Amino acid sequence: MALARHGQTEYNAVRRFQGHLAVPLNARGREQAHELARVAAQREWATLICSPLARARETAEIVGAAIGHHPIDDARFAETDCGDWTDLTFDAVQAAEPELFAAYQRGDKDFAFPGGESFAQQQLRVLEGIDAAREGPRVGGGGVLVVCHRGSIRLALAALHADDAQRTAEVPNASLVELP
């Protein structure tokens, strides 16, 4: 099983919290999605799952065309609900709430977005999604590929490797991460 991060959006480029907003890929993000599709096409996949958020869905559709699968939406792989921080820049949040922003940056286990979701809540739903994907039906041979978000990937890695350092792991746009 592997998780892939969606391609770049304008929000990624300017460091803005997008949370559950329907933010599309930018031109670079579409290029990255095609690069990811070329990498993914070198393997056989039984299933393609994606977060239903626009940026992940758009990436998954590009990848799906290359690997011969239609993406199946699973909201458990959505990015964290950023609550009150949605649509704000990282710089604005850091200036307004430096201690809370630092906790976000560290990936603190107890961190929760004001008016939004906690990392613990997100991690639980992502792990439920992984379990369901591993147990779900397969079309042909191969593994399961999930197109999702940096936060979802980080929290999955932290739990599955029992390594909290993974909560801040570098996960570039359109990267493919193997799960244990």
N, C-alpha and C. Protein backbone atom coordinates (compact mmCIF):
# COMPACT_ATOMS: atom_id res chain seq x y z
N MET A 1 0.84 -1.18 0.00
CA MET A 1 0.00 0.00 0.00
C MET A 1 0.88 1.24 0.00
N ALA A 2 0.43 2.25 -0.73
CA ALA A 2 1.18 3.50 -0.79
C ALA A 2 0.22 4.68 -0.72
N LEU A 3 0.73 5.77 -0.15
CA LEU A 3 0.00 7.03 -0.11
C LEU A 3 0.75 8.02 -0.99
N ALA A 4 0.01 8.85 -1.71
CA ALA A 4 0.62 9.88 -2.54
C ALA A 4 0.00 11.22 -2.19
N ARG A 5 0.83 12.23 -2.14
CA ARG A 5 0.31 13.58 -1.87
C ARG A 5 -0.12 14.21 -3.19
N HIS A 6 -1.17 14.98 -3.12
CA HIS A 6 -1.67 15.70 -4.31
C HIS A 6 -0.62 16.67 -4.84
N GLY A 7 -0.83 17.12 -6.08
CA GLY A 7 0.04 18.13 -6.67
C GLY A 7 -0.15 19.49 -6.01
N GLN A 8 0.73 20.40 -6.35
CA GLN A 8 0.73 21.74 -5.74
C GLN A 8 -0.51 22.55 -6.10
N THR A 9 -0.93 23.36 -5.13
CA THR A 9 -2.00 24.35 -5.33
C THR A 9 -1.40 25.73 -5.09
N GLU A 10 -2.14 26.76 -5.45
CA GLU A 10 -1.68 28.12 -5.13
C GLU A 10 -1.58 28.30 -3.62
N TYR A 11 -2.46 27.65 -2.87
CA TYR A 11 -2.40 27.75 -1.41
C TYR A 11 -1.09 27.17 -0.89
N ASN A 12 -0.63 26.04 -1.47
CA ASN A 12 0.66 25.49 -1.08
C ASN A 12 1.78 26.47 -1.39
N ALA A 13 1.72 27.06 -2.57
CA ALA A 13 2.77 27.96 -3.03
C ALA A 13 2.93 29.18 -2.13
N VAL A 14 1.83 29.69 -1.59
CA VAL A 14 1.90 30.89 -0.75
C VAL A 14 1.79 30.57 0.74
N ARG A 15 1.79 29.28 1.08
CA ARG A 15 1.70 28.83 2.48
C ARG A 15 0.45 29.36 3.16
N ARG A 16 -0.69 28.87 2.64
CA ARG A 16 -2.00 29.26 3.15
C ARG A 16 -2.74 27.98 3.55
N PHE A 17 -3.42 28.01 4.69
CA PHE A 17 -4.19 26.85 5.15
C PHE A 17 -5.39 26.66 4.24
N GLN A 18 -5.49 25.47 3.62
CA GLN A 18 -6.62 25.19 2.74
C GLN A 18 -7.63 24.25 3.36
N GLY A 19 -7.22 23.43 4.33
CA GLY A 19 -8.16 22.55 5.00
C GLY A 19 -9.08 21.83 4.04
N HIS A 20 -10.37 22.01 4.21
CA HIS A 20 -11.37 21.33 3.38
C HIS A 20 -11.86 22.17 2.21
N LEU A 21 -11.22 23.30 1.95
CA LEU A 21 -11.63 24.12 0.80
C LEU A 21 -11.40 23.38 -0.51
N ALA A 22 -12.22 23.71 -1.50
CA ALA A 22 -12.12 23.08 -2.82
C ALA A 22 -11.08 23.84 -3.66
N VAL A 23 -9.82 23.68 -3.29
CA VAL A 23 -8.73 24.37 -3.97
C VAL A 23 -8.19 23.45 -5.08
N PRO A 24 -8.19 23.92 -6.34
CA PRO A 24 -7.70 23.09 -7.44
C PRO A 24 -6.17 23.11 -7.52
N LEU A 25 -5.63 22.22 -8.31
CA LEU A 25 -4.20 22.24 -8.60
C LEU A 25 -3.87 23.48 -9.42
N ASN A 26 -2.66 23.99 -9.26
CA ASN A 26 -2.19 25.03 -10.16
C ASN A 26 -1.45 24.36 -11.32
N ALA A 27 -0.88 25.13 -12.22
CA ALA A 27 -0.21 24.55 -13.40
C ALA A 27 0.92 23.62 -12.97
N ARG A 28 1.72 24.03 -11.98
CA ARG A 28 2.80 23.18 -11.49
C ARG A 28 2.23 21.91 -10.87
N GLY A 29 1.13 22.02 -10.17
CA GLY A 29 0.49 20.86 -9.56
C GLY A 29 0.02 19.85 -10.58
N ARG A 30 -0.50 20.33 -11.71
CA ARG A 30 -0.91 19.40 -12.77
C ARG A 30 0.31 18.71 -13.39
N GLU A 31 1.41 19.45 -13.55
CA GLU A 31 2.66 18.83 -14.03
C GLU A 31 3.11 17.75 -13.05
N GLN A 32 3.07 18.07 -11.77
CA GLN A 32 3.48 17.11 -10.74
C GLN A 32 2.58 15.88 -10.76
N ALA A 33 1.28 16.08 -10.95
CA ALA A 33 0.35 14.95 -11.00
C ALA A 33 0.69 14.03 -12.17
N HIS A 34 1.07 14.60 -13.31
CA HIS A 34 1.46 13.78 -14.46
C HIS A 34 2.78 13.05 -14.18
N GLU A 35 3.70 13.70 -13.46
CA GLU A 35 4.94 13.02 -13.06
C GLU A 35 4.62 11.85 -12.12
N LEU A 36 3.74 12.09 -11.16
CA LEU A 36 3.32 11.03 -10.25
C LEU A 36 2.66 9.89 -11.03
N ALA A 37 1.85 10.22 -12.01
CA ALA A 37 1.18 9.20 -12.83
C ALA A 37 2.21 8.33 -13.55
N ARG A 38 3.27 8.95 -14.06
CA ARG A 38 4.32 8.16 -14.74
C ARG A 38 5.00 7.19 -13.76
N VAL A 39 5.26 7.65 -12.56
CA VAL A 39 5.87 6.79 -11.54
C VAL A 39 4.91 5.66 -11.16
N ALA A 40 3.66 6.02 -10.91
CA ALA A 40 2.66 5.02 -10.50
C ALA A 40 2.43 3.99 -11.59
N ALA A 41 2.52 4.39 -12.84
CA ALA A 41 2.26 3.48 -13.96
C ALA A 41 3.33 2.40 -14.10
N GLN A 42 4.41 2.53 -13.38
CA GLN A 42 5.47 1.51 -13.41
C GLN A 42 5.16 0.32 -12.52
N ARG A 43 4.04 0.41 -11.79
CA ARG A 43 3.62 -0.67 -10.90
C ARG A 43 2.20 -1.07 -11.23
N GLU A 44 1.82 -2.22 -10.70
CA GLU A 44 0.44 -2.66 -10.85
C GLU A 44 -0.33 -2.31 -9.59
N TRP A 45 -1.50 -1.71 -9.78
CA TRP A 45 -2.35 -1.30 -8.67
C TRP A 45 -3.70 -1.99 -8.79
N ALA A 46 -4.20 -2.47 -7.68
CA ALA A 46 -5.50 -3.13 -7.66
C ALA A 46 -6.62 -2.12 -7.43
N THR A 47 -6.30 -1.04 -6.71
CA THR A 47 -7.32 -0.06 -6.32
C THR A 47 -6.69 1.32 -6.22
N LEU A 48 -7.47 2.32 -6.60
CA LEU A 48 -7.06 3.72 -6.45
C LEU A 48 -8.12 4.43 -5.63
N ILE A 49 -7.70 4.95 -4.49
CA ILE A 49 -8.59 5.65 -3.56
C ILE A 49 -8.09 7.07 -3.45
N CYS A 50 -9.00 8.00 -3.17
CA CYS A 50 -8.55 9.38 -2.98
C CYS A 50 -9.42 10.12 -1.98
N SER A 51 -8.82 11.14 -1.40
CA SER A 51 -9.57 12.12 -0.63
C SER A 51 -10.53 12.79 -1.60
N PRO A 52 -11.73 13.13 -1.15
CA PRO A 52 -12.68 13.79 -2.05
C PRO A 52 -12.40 15.27 -2.28
N LEU A 53 -11.40 15.83 -1.60
CA LEU A 53 -11.09 17.25 -1.78
C LEU A 53 -10.53 17.48 -3.17
N ALA A 54 -10.87 18.62 -3.77
CA ALA A 54 -10.61 18.89 -5.19
C ALA A 54 -9.17 18.62 -5.62
N ARG A 55 -8.20 19.04 -4.83
CA ARG A 55 -6.80 18.89 -5.23
C ARG A 55 -6.37 17.43 -5.27
N ALA A 56 -6.86 16.63 -4.34
CA ALA A 56 -6.54 15.21 -4.33
C ALA A 56 -7.31 14.49 -5.44
N ARG A 57 -8.56 14.85 -5.63
CA ARG A 57 -9.39 14.22 -6.67
C ARG A 57 -8.80 14.49 -8.05
N GLU A 58 -8.39 15.74 -8.30
CA GLU A 58 -7.81 16.08 -9.60
C GLU A 58 -6.52 15.30 -9.84
N THR A 59 -5.68 15.21 -8.82
CA THR A 59 -4.45 14.42 -8.93
C THR A 59 -4.78 12.96 -9.20
N ALA A 60 -5.74 12.41 -8.47
CA ALA A 60 -6.12 11.00 -8.62
C ALA A 60 -6.69 10.71 -10.00
N GLU A 61 -7.42 11.64 -10.57
CA GLU A 61 -7.96 11.42 -11.91
C GLU A 61 -6.84 11.34 -12.95
N ILE A 62 -5.81 12.17 -12.79
CA ILE A 62 -4.66 12.13 -13.70
C ILE A 62 -3.91 10.81 -13.52
N VAL A 63 -3.69 10.41 -12.27
CA VAL A 63 -3.01 9.15 -11.99
C VAL A 63 -3.85 7.98 -12.48
N GLY A 64 -5.14 8.03 -12.22
CA GLY A 64 -6.04 6.95 -12.62
C GLY A 64 -6.03 6.70 -14.12
N ALA A 65 -5.95 7.75 -14.92
CA ALA A 65 -5.90 7.59 -16.37
C ALA A 65 -4.64 6.83 -16.79
N ALA A 66 -3.55 7.00 -16.05
CA ALA A 66 -2.29 6.33 -16.37
C ALA A 66 -2.25 4.88 -15.89
N ILE A 67 -2.98 4.57 -14.83
CA ILE A 67 -2.91 3.22 -14.27
C ILE A 67 -4.16 2.39 -14.54
N GLY A 68 -5.13 2.99 -15.21
CA GLY A 68 -6.33 2.24 -15.59
C GLY A 68 -7.34 2.04 -14.48
N HIS A 69 -7.42 2.96 -13.55
CA HIS A 69 -8.39 2.87 -12.47
C HIS A 69 -9.12 4.20 -12.30
N HIS A 70 -10.39 4.12 -11.92
CA HIS A 70 -11.14 5.31 -11.54
C HIS A 70 -10.98 5.47 -10.04
N PRO A 71 -10.68 6.69 -9.59
CA PRO A 71 -10.51 6.88 -8.14
C PRO A 71 -11.82 6.72 -7.37
N ILE A 72 -11.70 6.13 -6.20
CA ILE A 72 -12.83 5.94 -5.29
C ILE A 72 -12.64 6.91 -4.13
N ASP A 73 -13.61 7.80 -3.93
CA ASP A 73 -13.51 8.78 -2.85
C ASP A 73 -13.65 8.11 -1.48
N ASP A 74 -12.82 8.55 -0.54
CA ASP A 74 -12.92 8.12 0.85
C ASP A 74 -12.57 9.32 1.72
N ALA A 75 -13.56 9.89 2.36
CA ALA A 75 -13.39 11.10 3.16
C ALA A 75 -12.45 10.90 4.35
N ARG A 76 -12.19 9.67 4.73
CA ARG A 76 -11.26 9.43 5.84
C ARG A 76 -9.85 9.92 5.51
N PHE A 77 -9.54 10.08 4.22
CA PHE A 77 -8.21 10.52 3.81
C PHE A 77 -8.13 12.03 3.57
N ALA A 78 -9.19 12.77 3.88
CA ALA A 78 -9.19 14.22 3.69
C ALA A 78 -8.16 14.88 4.61
N GLU A 79 -7.76 16.08 4.23
CA GLU A 79 -6.85 16.86 5.06
C GLU A 79 -7.56 17.26 6.35
N THR A 80 -6.80 17.71 7.31
CA THR A 80 -7.36 18.17 8.58
C THR A 80 -8.29 19.35 8.34
N ASP A 81 -9.40 19.36 9.06
CA ASP A 81 -10.28 20.52 9.05
C ASP A 81 -9.56 21.61 9.85
N CYS A 82 -9.11 22.65 9.16
CA CYS A 82 -8.31 23.71 9.79
C CYS A 82 -9.14 24.73 10.56
N GLY A 83 -10.45 24.56 10.57
CA GLY A 83 -11.31 25.42 11.38
C GLY A 83 -11.10 26.89 11.10
N ASP A 84 -10.84 27.67 12.17
CA ASP A 84 -10.69 29.12 12.07
C ASP A 84 -9.47 29.55 11.26
N TRP A 85 -8.51 28.64 11.07
CA TRP A 85 -7.30 28.99 10.33
C TRP A 85 -7.49 28.82 8.82
N THR A 86 -8.58 28.21 8.40
CA THR A 86 -8.83 27.99 6.98
C THR A 86 -8.77 29.31 6.23
N ASP A 87 -8.02 29.33 5.16
CA ASP A 87 -7.86 30.46 4.25
C ASP A 87 -6.90 31.53 4.77
N LEU A 88 -6.27 31.30 5.92
CA LEU A 88 -5.28 32.24 6.45
C LEU A 88 -3.88 31.79 6.04
N THR A 89 -2.96 32.74 5.90
CA THR A 89 -1.57 32.38 5.60
C THR A 89 -0.89 31.88 6.88
N PHE A 90 0.14 31.08 6.69
CA PHE A 90 0.92 30.61 7.83
C PHE A 90 1.49 31.81 8.58
N ASP A 91 2.00 32.80 7.84
CA ASP A 91 2.60 33.98 8.48
C ASP A 91 1.59 34.72 9.34
N ALA A 92 0.36 34.87 8.87
CA ALA A 92 -0.67 35.58 9.63
C ALA A 92 -1.00 34.82 10.92
N VAL A 93 -1.11 33.51 10.82
CA VAL A 93 -1.42 32.71 12.01
C VAL A 93 -0.25 32.74 12.98
N GLN A 94 0.96 32.63 12.46
CA GLN A 94 2.14 32.66 13.33
C GLN A 94 2.24 33.99 14.08
N ALA A 95 1.91 35.08 13.41
CA ALA A 95 1.95 36.39 14.05
C ALA A 95 0.85 36.53 15.11
N ALA A 96 -0.33 36.01 14.82
CA ALA A 96 -1.47 36.15 15.74
C ALA A 96 -1.44 35.17 16.90
N GLU A 97 -0.98 33.94 16.64
CA GLU A 97 -1.00 32.89 17.67
C GLU A 97 0.31 32.10 17.64
N PRO A 98 1.43 32.74 18.03
CA PRO A 98 2.74 32.10 17.88
C PRO A 98 2.89 30.77 18.61
N GLU A 99 2.36 30.65 19.82
CA GLU A 99 2.53 29.41 20.58
C GLU A 99 1.71 28.27 19.96
N LEU A 100 0.50 28.56 19.57
CA LEU A 100 -0.34 27.54 18.95
C LEU A 100 0.20 27.15 17.57
N PHE A 101 0.70 28.13 16.83
CA PHE A 101 1.30 27.83 15.54
C PHE A 101 2.54 26.95 15.71
N ALA A 102 3.34 27.22 16.73
CA ALA A 102 4.52 26.39 17.00
C ALA A 102 4.12 24.95 17.31
N ALA A 103 3.02 24.78 18.04
CA ALA A 103 2.52 23.43 18.33
C ALA A 103 2.10 22.73 17.04
N TYR A 104 1.47 23.46 16.15
CA TYR A 104 1.11 22.91 14.83
C TYR A 104 2.37 22.48 14.08
N GLN A 105 3.36 23.37 14.04
CA GLN A 105 4.60 23.08 13.30
C GLN A 105 5.33 21.85 13.87
N ARG A 106 5.28 21.67 15.18
CA ARG A 106 5.92 20.53 15.82
C ARG A 106 5.13 19.23 15.64
N GLY A 107 3.87 19.37 15.21
CA GLY A 107 3.02 18.20 15.07
C GLY A 107 2.61 17.62 16.42
N ASP A 108 2.46 18.48 17.43
CA ASP A 108 2.11 18.01 18.76
C ASP A 108 0.89 17.10 18.72
N LYS A 109 0.98 16.00 19.44
CA LYS A 109 -0.12 15.03 19.49
C LYS A 109 -1.44 15.67 19.93
N ASP A 110 -1.36 16.61 20.84
CA ASP A 110 -2.56 17.23 21.41
C ASP A 110 -3.04 18.45 20.63
N PHE A 111 -2.37 18.78 19.53
CA PHE A 111 -2.74 19.97 18.77
C PHE A 111 -4.13 19.80 18.15
N ALA A 112 -4.92 20.86 18.22
CA ALA A 112 -6.21 20.92 17.54
C ALA A 112 -6.35 22.31 16.93
N PHE A 113 -6.82 22.36 15.69
CA PHE A 113 -7.08 23.64 15.05
C PHE A 113 -8.24 24.32 15.78
N PRO A 114 -8.11 25.61 16.11
CA PRO A 114 -9.23 26.32 16.73
C PRO A 114 -10.47 26.23 15.83
N GLY A 115 -11.55 25.72 16.39
CA GLY A 115 -12.77 25.57 15.62
C GLY A 115 -12.73 24.45 14.60
N GLY A 116 -11.70 23.63 14.65
CA GLY A 116 -11.54 22.56 13.67
C GLY A 116 -11.22 21.22 14.31
N GLU A 117 -10.43 20.47 13.65
CA GLU A 117 -10.14 19.09 14.02
C GLU A 117 -8.79 18.98 14.72
N SER A 118 -8.63 17.99 15.55
CA SER A 118 -7.34 17.72 16.19
C SER A 118 -6.56 16.72 15.34
N PHE A 119 -5.25 16.71 15.55
CA PHE A 119 -4.42 15.71 14.88
C PHE A 119 -4.84 14.30 15.31
N ALA A 120 -5.23 14.14 16.57
CA ALA A 120 -5.66 12.82 17.06
C ALA A 120 -6.91 12.35 16.33
N GLN A 121 -7.87 13.25 16.12
CA GLN A 121 -9.09 12.88 15.37
C GLN A 121 -8.75 12.50 13.93
N GLN A 122 -7.91 13.30 13.31
CA GLN A 122 -7.54 13.01 11.92
C GLN A 122 -6.79 11.69 11.83
N GLN A 123 -5.85 11.47 12.73
CA GLN A 123 -5.07 10.24 12.69
C GLN A 123 -5.97 9.01 12.81
N LEU A 124 -6.94 9.08 13.70
CA LEU A 124 -7.86 7.97 13.89
C LEU A 124 -8.61 7.65 12.60
N ARG A 125 -9.15 8.68 11.93
CA ARG A 125 -9.92 8.41 10.71
C ARG A 125 -9.02 7.94 9.57
N VAL A 126 -7.78 8.47 9.49
CA VAL A 126 -6.85 8.01 8.45
C VAL A 126 -6.51 6.54 8.66
N LEU A 127 -6.24 6.15 9.90
CA LEU A 127 -5.92 4.75 10.18
C LEU A 127 -7.11 3.84 9.90
N GLU A 128 -8.32 4.31 10.17
CA GLU A 128 -9.52 3.54 9.81
C GLU A 128 -9.60 3.37 8.30
N GLY A 129 -9.29 4.42 7.56
CA GLY A 129 -9.29 4.35 6.11
C GLY A 129 -8.25 3.37 5.58
N ILE A 130 -7.06 3.37 6.19
CA ILE A 130 -6.00 2.44 5.78
C ILE A 130 -6.43 1.00 6.04
N ASP A 131 -6.98 0.75 7.22
CA ASP A 131 -7.45 -0.60 7.54
C ASP A 131 -8.51 -1.05 6.54
N ALA A 132 -9.46 -0.19 6.24
CA ALA A 132 -10.52 -0.54 5.30
C ALA A 132 -9.96 -0.77 3.90
N ALA A 133 -9.00 0.04 3.49
CA ALA A 133 -8.41 -0.12 2.15
C ALA A 133 -7.63 -1.43 2.05
N ARG A 134 -6.95 -1.79 3.11
CA ARG A 134 -6.18 -3.05 3.11
C ARG A 134 -7.09 -4.27 3.08
N GLU A 135 -8.27 -4.15 3.67
CA GLU A 135 -9.21 -5.27 3.74
C GLU A 135 -10.21 -5.28 2.59
N GLY A 136 -10.28 -4.18 1.85
CA GLY A 136 -11.29 -4.03 0.81
C GLY A 136 -11.06 -4.89 -0.42
N PRO A 137 -12.04 -4.89 -1.31
CA PRO A 137 -11.93 -5.68 -2.54
C PRO A 137 -10.86 -5.13 -3.46
N ARG A 138 -10.28 -6.01 -4.25
CA ARG A 138 -9.23 -5.64 -5.20
C ARG A 138 -9.70 -5.97 -6.62
N VAL A 139 -9.28 -5.17 -7.55
CA VAL A 139 -9.54 -5.43 -8.96
C VAL A 139 -8.21 -5.88 -9.54
N GLY A 140 -8.06 -7.19 -9.75
CA GLY A 140 -6.80 -7.71 -10.26
C GLY A 140 -5.74 -7.74 -9.17
N GLY A 141 -4.48 -7.90 -9.61
CA GLY A 141 -3.37 -7.93 -8.66
C GLY A 141 -2.90 -6.54 -8.33
N GLY A 142 -1.86 -6.46 -7.53
CA GLY A 142 -1.28 -5.17 -7.21
C GLY A 142 -1.73 -4.63 -5.88
N GLY A 143 -1.21 -3.46 -5.58
CA GLY A 143 -1.46 -2.84 -4.29
C GLY A 143 -2.54 -1.79 -4.34
N VAL A 144 -2.67 -1.09 -3.23
CA VAL A 144 -3.64 -0.02 -3.09
C VAL A 144 -2.87 1.30 -3.09
N LEU A 145 -3.33 2.24 -3.90
CA LEU A 145 -2.76 3.58 -3.94
C LEU A 145 -3.81 4.56 -3.47
N VAL A 146 -3.43 5.41 -2.53
CA VAL A 146 -4.33 6.43 -1.99
C VAL A 146 -3.72 7.80 -2.25
N VAL A 147 -4.46 8.65 -2.95
CA VAL A 147 -4.02 10.03 -3.17
C VAL A 147 -4.68 10.89 -2.10
N CYS A 148 -3.85 11.55 -1.30
CA CYS A 148 -4.40 12.32 -0.18
C CYS A 148 -3.56 13.55 0.10
N HIS A 149 -3.24 13.82 1.35
CA HIS A 149 -2.66 15.10 1.77
C HIS A 149 -1.48 14.88 2.70
N ARG A 150 -0.64 15.92 2.79
CA ARG A 150 0.56 15.84 3.62
C ARG A 150 0.21 15.47 5.07
N GLY A 151 -0.78 16.13 5.64
CA GLY A 151 -1.14 15.84 7.02
C GLY A 151 -1.58 14.40 7.22
N SER A 152 -2.36 13.89 6.29
CA SER A 152 -2.83 12.50 6.37
C SER A 152 -1.65 11.54 6.30
N ILE A 153 -0.72 11.82 5.41
CA ILE A 153 0.45 10.95 5.24
C ILE A 153 1.33 10.99 6.49
N ARG A 154 1.59 12.18 6.99
CA ARG A 154 2.44 12.31 8.19
C ARG A 154 1.86 11.53 9.37
N LEU A 155 0.57 11.68 9.59
CA LEU A 155 -0.05 11.01 10.73
C LEU A 155 -0.08 9.50 10.55
N ALA A 156 -0.28 9.04 9.33
CA ALA A 156 -0.23 7.59 9.06
C ALA A 156 1.17 7.06 9.34
N LEU A 157 2.19 7.75 8.84
CA LEU A 157 3.57 7.31 9.07
C LEU A 157 3.93 7.29 10.55
N ALA A 158 3.51 8.32 11.27
CA ALA A 158 3.81 8.37 12.71
C ALA A 158 3.22 7.18 13.44
N ALA A 159 1.98 6.84 13.11
CA ALA A 159 1.32 5.72 13.78
C ALA A 159 1.89 4.37 13.34
N LEU A 160 2.06 4.19 12.04
CA LEU A 160 2.48 2.89 11.54
C LEU A 160 3.94 2.57 11.81
N HIS A 161 4.76 3.60 11.97
CA HIS A 161 6.17 3.40 12.32
C HIS A 161 6.42 3.58 13.81
N ALA A 162 5.36 3.94 14.56
CA ALA A 162 5.50 4.25 15.99
C ALA A 162 6.65 5.23 16.20
N ASP A 163 6.64 6.29 15.39
CA ASP A 163 7.73 7.27 15.39
C ASP A 163 7.12 8.67 15.26
N ASP A 164 7.05 9.38 16.38
CA ASP A 164 6.44 10.70 16.37
C ASP A 164 7.20 11.70 15.51
N ALA A 165 8.47 11.44 15.20
CA ALA A 165 9.22 12.34 14.31
C ALA A 165 8.57 12.41 12.92
N GLN A 166 7.83 11.38 12.56
CA GLN A 166 7.16 11.36 11.25
C GLN A 166 6.06 12.41 11.17
N ARG A 167 5.62 12.95 12.30
CA ARG A 167 4.56 13.97 12.31
C ARG A 167 4.99 15.25 11.60
N THR A 168 6.31 15.42 11.43
CA THR A 168 6.82 16.60 10.74
C THR A 168 7.66 16.21 9.52
N ALA A 169 7.48 15.00 9.04
CA ALA A 169 8.26 14.51 7.91
C ALA A 169 8.04 15.38 6.67
N GLU A 170 9.08 15.48 5.88
CA GLU A 170 8.99 16.20 4.61
C GLU A 170 8.20 15.31 3.64
N VAL A 171 7.12 15.83 3.13
CA VAL A 171 6.29 15.10 2.15
C VAL A 171 6.00 16.06 1.00
N PRO A 172 6.86 16.08 0.00
CA PRO A 172 6.66 17.01 -1.12
C PRO A 172 5.38 16.72 -1.90
N ASN A 173 4.88 17.74 -2.57
CA ASN A 173 3.71 17.55 -3.43
C ASN A 173 4.00 16.45 -4.44
N ALA A 174 3.01 15.62 -4.68
CA ALA A 174 3.03 14.53 -5.67
C ALA A 174 4.07 13.46 -5.37
N SER A 175 4.48 13.33 -4.10
CA SER A 175 5.40 12.25 -3.74
C SER A 175 4.62 11.00 -3.40
N LEU A 176 5.27 9.86 -3.57
CA LEU A 176 4.69 8.55 -3.32
C LEU A 176 5.40 7.96 -2.11
N VAL A 177 4.63 7.57 -1.08
CA VAL A 177 5.18 7.07 0.18
C VAL A 177 4.66 5.67 0.42
N GLU A 178 5.56 4.73 0.55
CA GLU A 178 5.19 3.34 0.85
C GLU A 178 4.86 3.19 2.33
N LEU A 179 3.82 2.42 2.61
CA LEU A 179 3.48 2.14 4.00
C LEU A 179 4.00 0.76 4.39
N PRO A 180 4.34 0.61 5.69
CA PRO A 180 4.77 -0.72 6.14
C PRO A 180 3.61 -1.69 6.16
